[in-house]
Amino acid sequence: MTQTSNRFFDEMARLMNDAAGVAQGVRREFDTLFRAQAERILRELDVVQREEFEAVKEMARLAREENDALKARIETLEAKLSDKPVRKPAKAAARKGKATDDAADIEPAAD
């Protein structure tokens, strides 16, 4: 009797072991099919990959920083220019009927 029950339990253990192996195989197959389907859908939707998104995000950050630096530089140059008088061209002064005297051609910069 002891021998029979051991054989029965051995067969049950082998059957459970095989069932677990089959279940793992089915799970792997399901994961593979699901992943392939998801990738196909994302390709059809033309969704950008994470690496590409991060690269473009970094480029935009650098462009914003450069834009801010250039804006500050322009403001500095405009401030320097506003301190100096602006010389009118001789043609514009002659059209207005003014003398083309150098002292008369100088006006402060307009903002």
N, C-alpha and C. Protein backbone atom coordinates (compact mmCIF):
# COMPACT_ATOMS: atom_id res chain seq x y z
N MET A 1 0.81 -1.18 0.00
CA MET A 1 0.00 0.00 0.00
C MET A 1 0.86 1.24 0.00
N THR A 2 1.90 1.23 0.74
CA THR A 2 2.78 2.38 0.80
C THR A 2 3.37 2.68 -0.55
N GLN A 3 3.72 1.66 -1.28
CA GLN A 3 4.31 1.84 -2.60
C GLN A 3 3.32 2.45 -3.56
N THR A 4 2.05 2.06 -3.52
CA THR A 4 1.03 2.57 -4.41
C THR A 4 0.77 4.04 -4.17
N SER A 5 0.65 4.43 -2.94
CA SER A 5 0.37 5.83 -2.65
C SER A 5 1.56 6.71 -3.04
N ASN A 6 2.77 6.22 -2.90
CA ASN A 6 3.92 6.99 -3.32
C ASN A 6 3.92 7.20 -4.83
N ARG A 7 3.56 6.16 -5.56
CA ARG A 7 3.50 6.27 -7.01
C ARG A 7 2.42 7.27 -7.41
N PHE A 8 1.27 7.21 -6.71
CA PHE A 8 0.18 8.14 -7.00
C PHE A 8 0.63 9.58 -6.75
N PHE A 9 1.27 9.80 -5.60
CA PHE A 9 1.73 11.15 -5.29
C PHE A 9 2.84 11.60 -6.25
N ASP A 10 3.69 10.68 -6.65
CA ASP A 10 4.74 11.02 -7.62
C ASP A 10 4.12 11.45 -8.95
N GLU A 11 3.12 10.72 -9.39
CA GLU A 11 2.44 11.07 -10.64
C GLU A 11 1.73 12.41 -10.52
N MET A 12 1.10 12.66 -9.38
CA MET A 12 0.42 13.95 -9.18
C MET A 12 1.44 15.09 -9.17
N ALA A 13 2.58 14.86 -8.51
CA ALA A 13 3.62 15.89 -8.46
C ALA A 13 4.15 16.17 -9.86
N ARG A 14 4.39 15.12 -10.65
CA ARG A 14 4.88 15.29 -12.02
C ARG A 14 3.84 16.03 -12.87
N LEU A 15 2.56 15.69 -12.69
CA LEU A 15 1.49 16.35 -13.43
C LEU A 15 1.41 17.83 -13.06
N MET A 16 1.51 18.15 -11.79
CA MET A 16 1.49 19.55 -11.36
C MET A 16 2.70 20.29 -11.88
N ASN A 17 3.85 19.65 -11.86
CA ASN A 17 5.07 20.27 -12.36
C ASN A 17 4.94 20.58 -13.85
N ASP A 18 4.41 19.62 -14.61
CA ASP A 18 4.20 19.83 -16.05
C ASP A 18 3.18 20.94 -16.31
N ALA A 19 2.14 20.98 -15.49
CA ALA A 19 1.11 22.02 -15.64
C ALA A 19 1.70 23.40 -15.36
N ALA A 20 2.57 23.48 -14.36
CA ALA A 20 3.21 24.76 -14.06
C ALA A 20 4.11 25.19 -15.22
N GLY A 21 4.82 24.25 -15.80
CA GLY A 21 5.68 24.57 -16.96
C GLY A 21 4.86 25.04 -18.14
N VAL A 22 3.74 24.40 -18.39
CA VAL A 22 2.85 24.81 -19.48
C VAL A 22 2.29 26.19 -19.21
N ALA A 23 1.90 26.45 -17.97
CA ALA A 23 1.35 27.75 -17.61
C ALA A 23 2.40 28.85 -17.82
N GLN A 24 3.64 28.59 -17.48
CA GLN A 24 4.70 29.58 -17.70
C GLN A 24 4.91 29.82 -19.20
N GLY A 25 4.84 28.74 -19.98
CA GLY A 25 4.99 28.89 -21.43
C GLY A 25 3.86 29.72 -22.03
N VAL A 26 2.64 29.46 -21.57
CA VAL A 26 1.49 30.22 -22.04
C VAL A 26 1.64 31.69 -21.65
N ARG A 27 2.09 31.93 -20.44
CA ARG A 27 2.29 33.32 -19.99
C ARG A 27 3.33 34.03 -20.85
N ARG A 28 4.45 33.38 -21.11
CA ARG A 28 5.49 33.98 -21.97
C ARG A 28 4.95 34.27 -23.36
N GLU A 29 4.20 33.33 -23.89
CA GLU A 29 3.61 33.52 -25.24
C GLU A 29 2.63 34.68 -25.23
N PHE A 30 1.80 34.77 -24.20
CA PHE A 30 0.85 35.88 -24.09
C PHE A 30 1.59 37.21 -24.00
N ASP A 31 2.63 37.27 -23.17
CA ASP A 31 3.42 38.51 -23.04
C ASP A 31 4.03 38.91 -24.38
N THR A 32 4.56 37.95 -25.10
CA THR A 32 5.18 38.24 -26.40
C THR A 32 4.14 38.77 -27.38
N LEU A 33 2.99 38.12 -27.45
CA LEU A 33 1.94 38.56 -28.37
C LEU A 33 1.40 39.94 -27.99
N PHE A 34 1.20 40.15 -26.69
CA PHE A 34 0.70 41.45 -26.22
C PHE A 34 1.69 42.56 -26.54
N ARG A 35 2.95 42.33 -26.30
CA ARG A 35 3.98 43.33 -26.57
C ARG A 35 4.06 43.64 -28.07
N ALA A 36 4.00 42.61 -28.90
CA ALA A 36 4.05 42.83 -30.34
C ALA A 36 2.84 43.63 -30.82
N GLN A 37 1.68 43.31 -30.29
CA GLN A 37 0.46 44.04 -30.66
C GLN A 37 0.54 45.50 -30.21
N ALA A 38 1.03 45.73 -28.99
CA ALA A 38 1.15 47.10 -28.48
C ALA A 38 2.14 47.90 -29.32
N GLU A 39 3.26 47.30 -29.67
CA GLU A 39 4.26 48.00 -30.51
C GLU A 39 3.68 48.33 -31.88
N ARG A 40 2.89 47.42 -32.44
CA ARG A 40 2.28 47.66 -33.76
C ARG A 40 1.30 48.83 -33.67
N ILE A 41 0.51 48.87 -32.63
CA ILE A 41 -0.47 49.95 -32.46
C ILE A 41 0.26 51.29 -32.29
N LEU A 42 1.29 51.31 -31.48
CA LEU A 42 2.05 52.54 -31.26
C LEU A 42 2.73 53.02 -32.54
N ARG A 43 3.24 52.10 -33.34
CA ARG A 43 3.84 52.48 -34.63
C ARG A 43 2.80 53.09 -35.55
N GLU A 44 1.60 52.51 -35.57
CA GLU A 44 0.53 53.04 -36.43
C GLU A 44 0.08 54.42 -35.97
N LEU A 45 0.11 54.67 -34.66
CA LEU A 45 -0.28 55.97 -34.13
C LEU A 45 0.83 57.00 -34.28
N ASP A 46 2.01 56.57 -34.71
CA ASP A 46 3.16 57.44 -34.92
C ASP A 46 3.54 58.14 -33.61
N VAL A 47 3.58 57.37 -32.53
CA VAL A 47 3.95 57.88 -31.22
C VAL A 47 5.48 57.90 -31.13
N VAL A 48 6.02 58.99 -30.61
CA VAL A 48 7.46 59.14 -30.51
C VAL A 48 8.00 58.28 -29.36
N GLN A 49 9.21 57.77 -29.55
CA GLN A 49 9.81 56.95 -28.51
C GLN A 49 10.36 57.84 -27.41
N ARG A 50 10.54 57.29 -26.24
CA ARG A 50 10.98 58.05 -25.07
C ARG A 50 12.34 58.71 -25.30
N GLU A 51 13.28 57.98 -25.92
CA GLU A 51 14.61 58.52 -26.15
C GLU A 51 14.56 59.74 -27.06
N GLU A 52 13.74 59.66 -28.12
CA GLU A 52 13.60 60.78 -29.04
C GLU A 52 12.97 61.98 -28.32
N PHE A 53 11.97 61.72 -27.50
CA PHE A 53 11.30 62.78 -26.76
C PHE A 53 12.28 63.49 -25.82
N GLU A 54 13.08 62.72 -25.10
CA GLU A 54 14.05 63.31 -24.18
C GLU A 54 15.09 64.14 -24.93
N ALA A 55 15.52 63.66 -26.12
CA ALA A 55 16.50 64.41 -26.91
C ALA A 55 15.93 65.75 -27.36
N VAL A 56 14.70 65.75 -27.84
CA VAL A 56 14.06 66.99 -28.30
C VAL A 56 13.80 67.92 -27.12
N LYS A 57 13.44 67.36 -25.98
CA LYS A 57 13.20 68.16 -24.78
C LYS A 57 14.49 68.88 -24.38
N GLU A 58 15.62 68.19 -24.44
CA GLU A 58 16.91 68.79 -24.12
C GLU A 58 17.27 69.88 -25.13
N MET A 59 17.01 69.64 -26.40
CA MET A 59 17.27 70.65 -27.42
C MET A 59 16.44 71.90 -27.18
N ALA A 60 15.20 71.74 -26.79
CA ALA A 60 14.32 72.88 -26.52
C ALA A 60 14.82 73.66 -25.30
N ARG A 61 15.29 72.95 -24.28
CA ARG A 61 15.82 73.62 -23.10
C ARG A 61 17.03 74.47 -23.46
N LEU A 62 17.93 73.90 -24.25
CA LEU A 62 19.13 74.63 -24.67
C LEU A 62 18.76 75.84 -25.53
N ALA A 63 17.78 75.68 -26.39
CA ALA A 63 17.34 76.79 -27.24
C ALA A 63 16.73 77.91 -26.40
N ARG A 64 15.96 77.55 -25.38
CA ARG A 64 15.39 78.57 -24.48
C ARG A 64 16.49 79.33 -23.74
N GLU A 65 17.49 78.60 -23.27
CA GLU A 65 18.60 79.25 -22.57
C GLU A 65 19.34 80.20 -23.50
N GLU A 66 19.59 79.75 -24.72
CA GLU A 66 20.28 80.60 -25.70
C GLU A 66 19.42 81.82 -26.04
N ASN A 67 18.13 81.62 -26.17
CA ASN A 67 17.21 82.73 -26.45
C ASN A 67 17.22 83.76 -25.32
N ASP A 68 17.22 83.28 -24.08
CA ASP A 68 17.28 84.20 -22.94
C ASP A 68 18.59 84.98 -22.92
N ALA A 69 19.70 84.30 -23.22
CA ALA A 69 21.00 84.99 -23.25
C ALA A 69 21.02 86.04 -24.35
N LEU A 70 20.50 85.71 -25.52
CA LEU A 70 20.47 86.67 -26.62
C LEU A 70 19.55 87.85 -26.30
N LYS A 71 18.43 87.57 -25.65
CA LYS A 71 17.51 88.64 -25.27
C LYS A 71 18.21 89.60 -24.30
N ALA A 72 18.95 89.07 -23.34
CA ALA A 72 19.68 89.91 -22.39
C ALA A 72 20.74 90.73 -23.11
N ARG A 73 21.40 90.13 -24.06
CA ARG A 73 22.43 90.84 -24.84
C ARG A 73 21.82 91.97 -25.65
N ILE A 74 20.68 91.73 -26.25
CA ILE A 74 19.99 92.77 -27.03
C ILE A 74 19.58 93.91 -26.12
N GLU A 75 19.04 93.58 -24.95
CA GLU A 75 18.64 94.64 -24.01
C GLU A 75 19.84 95.47 -23.58
N THR A 76 20.99 94.82 -23.36
CA THR A 76 22.20 95.55 -22.98
C THR A 76 22.64 96.47 -24.11
N LEU A 77 22.64 95.97 -25.33
CA LEU A 77 23.04 96.79 -26.48
C LEU A 77 22.07 97.94 -26.70
N GLU A 78 20.77 97.70 -26.54
CA GLU A 78 19.78 98.77 -26.70
C GLU A 78 19.96 99.83 -25.62
N ALA A 79 20.30 99.40 -24.41
CA ALA A 79 20.54 100.36 -23.33
C ALA A 79 21.76 101.23 -23.64
N LYS A 80 22.81 100.61 -24.18
CA LYS A 80 23.99 101.38 -24.55
C LYS A 80 23.66 102.36 -25.67
N LEU A 81 22.86 101.91 -26.62
CA LEU A 81 22.49 102.76 -27.76
C LEU A 81 21.62 103.94 -27.32
N SER A 82 20.75 103.71 -26.36
CA SER A 82 19.85 104.78 -25.94
C SER A 82 20.60 105.89 -25.22
N ASP A 83 21.78 105.60 -24.68
CA ASP A 83 22.60 106.61 -24.02
C ASP A 83 23.27 107.54 -25.03
N LYS A 84 23.48 107.11 -26.25
CA LYS A 84 24.15 107.92 -27.27
C LYS A 84 23.10 108.61 -28.14
N PRO A 85 23.40 109.83 -28.63
CA PRO A 85 22.47 110.50 -29.53
C PRO A 85 22.45 109.82 -30.89
N VAL A 86 21.30 109.88 -31.56
CA VAL A 86 21.14 109.28 -32.87
C VAL A 86 21.28 110.36 -33.92
N ARG A 87 22.06 110.16 -34.97
CA ARG A 87 22.28 111.12 -36.03
C ARG A 87 21.28 110.87 -37.15
N LYS A 88 20.56 111.90 -37.56
CA LYS A 88 19.61 111.79 -38.67
C LYS A 88 20.38 111.77 -39.98
N PRO A 89 19.91 111.04 -40.95
CA PRO A 89 20.53 111.09 -42.26
C PRO A 89 20.32 112.48 -42.90
N ALA A 90 21.26 112.94 -43.70
CA ALA A 90 21.20 114.27 -44.32
C ALA A 90 20.01 114.40 -45.25
N LYS A 91 19.62 113.34 -45.95
CA LYS A 91 18.49 113.40 -46.89
C LYS A 91 17.19 113.70 -46.17
N ALA A 92 16.98 113.11 -45.04
CA ALA A 92 15.74 113.31 -44.29
C ALA A 92 15.66 114.74 -43.78
N ALA A 93 16.76 115.29 -43.35
CA ALA A 93 16.77 116.67 -42.85
C ALA A 93 16.51 117.64 -43.99
N ALA A 94 17.06 117.39 -45.17
CA ALA A 94 16.88 118.28 -46.32
C ALA A 94 15.43 118.26 -46.77
N ARG A 95 14.76 117.11 -46.71
CA ARG A 95 13.36 117.02 -47.13
C ARG A 95 12.46 117.82 -46.21
N LYS A 96 12.79 117.89 -44.97
CA LYS A 96 11.96 118.59 -44.01
C LYS A 96 12.21 120.10 -44.06
N GLY A 97 13.15 120.55 -44.90
CA GLY A 97 13.44 121.97 -45.04
C GLY A 97 14.34 122.48 -43.95
N LYS A 98 15.03 121.62 -43.26
CA LYS A 98 15.95 122.03 -42.21
C LYS A 98 17.35 122.12 -42.79
N ALA A 99 18.17 122.86 -42.12
CA ALA A 99 19.56 122.96 -42.53
C ALA A 99 20.24 121.65 -42.22
N THR A 100 21.28 121.35 -42.97
CA THR A 100 22.00 120.10 -42.77
C THR A 100 23.18 120.31 -41.84
N ASP A 101 23.05 121.24 -40.98
CA ASP A 101 24.07 121.53 -39.98
C ASP A 101 24.22 120.31 -39.08
N ASP A 102 25.44 119.96 -38.72
CA ASP A 102 25.69 118.77 -37.89
C ASP A 102 25.01 118.88 -36.54
N ALA A 103 25.00 120.00 -35.94
CA ALA A 103 24.39 120.17 -34.61
C ALA A 103 22.88 120.03 -34.71
N ALA A 104 22.28 120.43 -35.83
CA ALA A 104 20.84 120.32 -35.97
C ALA A 104 20.40 118.90 -36.27
N ASP A 105 21.30 118.07 -36.77
CA ASP A 105 20.96 116.68 -37.16
C ASP A 105 20.97 115.74 -35.97
N ILE A 106 21.47 116.14 -34.85
CA ILE A 106 21.57 115.23 -33.71
C ILE A 106 20.33 115.36 -32.83
N GLU A 107 19.71 114.20 -32.57
CA GLU A 107 18.54 114.14 -31.69
C GLU A 107 18.74 112.99 -30.72
N PRO A 108 18.14 113.09 -29.55
CA PRO A 108 18.22 111.96 -28.63
C PRO A 108 17.46 110.76 -29.20
N ALA A 109 17.86 109.58 -28.81
CA ALA A 109 17.23 108.33 -29.32
C ALA A 109 15.81 108.24 -28.79
N ALA A 110 14.92 107.77 -29.67
CA ALA A 110 13.52 107.56 -29.27
C ALA A 110 13.33 106.11 -28.87
N ASP A 111 12.57 105.87 -27.86
CA ASP A 111 12.33 104.47 -27.41
C ASP A 111 11.17 103.87 -28.09
